């Protein structure tokens, strides 16, 4: 089996789930690494076209496939096109009012305006933050990736 995707997931339950989804052919074939993400080095990602850190149960891989993104597409996760897409119109509509916060794991994350994740005294604050962080909806991710793919492809032809 060709390994197109690198999945890093520290939670053993989610990592096993990833392995089963790979075996069932529901997400891109790949390698599941259960090390802490802080231990992952750039060299560990060599040879993979998709890099899923904090992979969870592979929803991004699933959404990429549903959007028509081939497992072996060289762009992998498309990060090298990020600067090109920053000025694109893909952030209108669903993503128009998103707020970005810098998280402790040194990543930017979008949040819904009004969540106020750092507000002290907010009822069920930890539960809300956890739910917001784990709430990747496959159809929304699929729709987003379709627009990204269209934008990347249109920029290649112009």
Foldseek 3Di string as FASTA:
>chain_A
DQAAEEEEAQDPVLLVLQVVCLVVVQFGHHDYHNDDPVPDDPVNCPPHQAYHYNCRNPLLRNLCVVLPNDSNDNCHVVPVCCVVCPPPPLCPDPNVQWDWDQDPVRDIDTDHPPLPLPDPPDPCSVVSVVCRVPVDDSVVSNVSVNVVVVSVVVVVVD
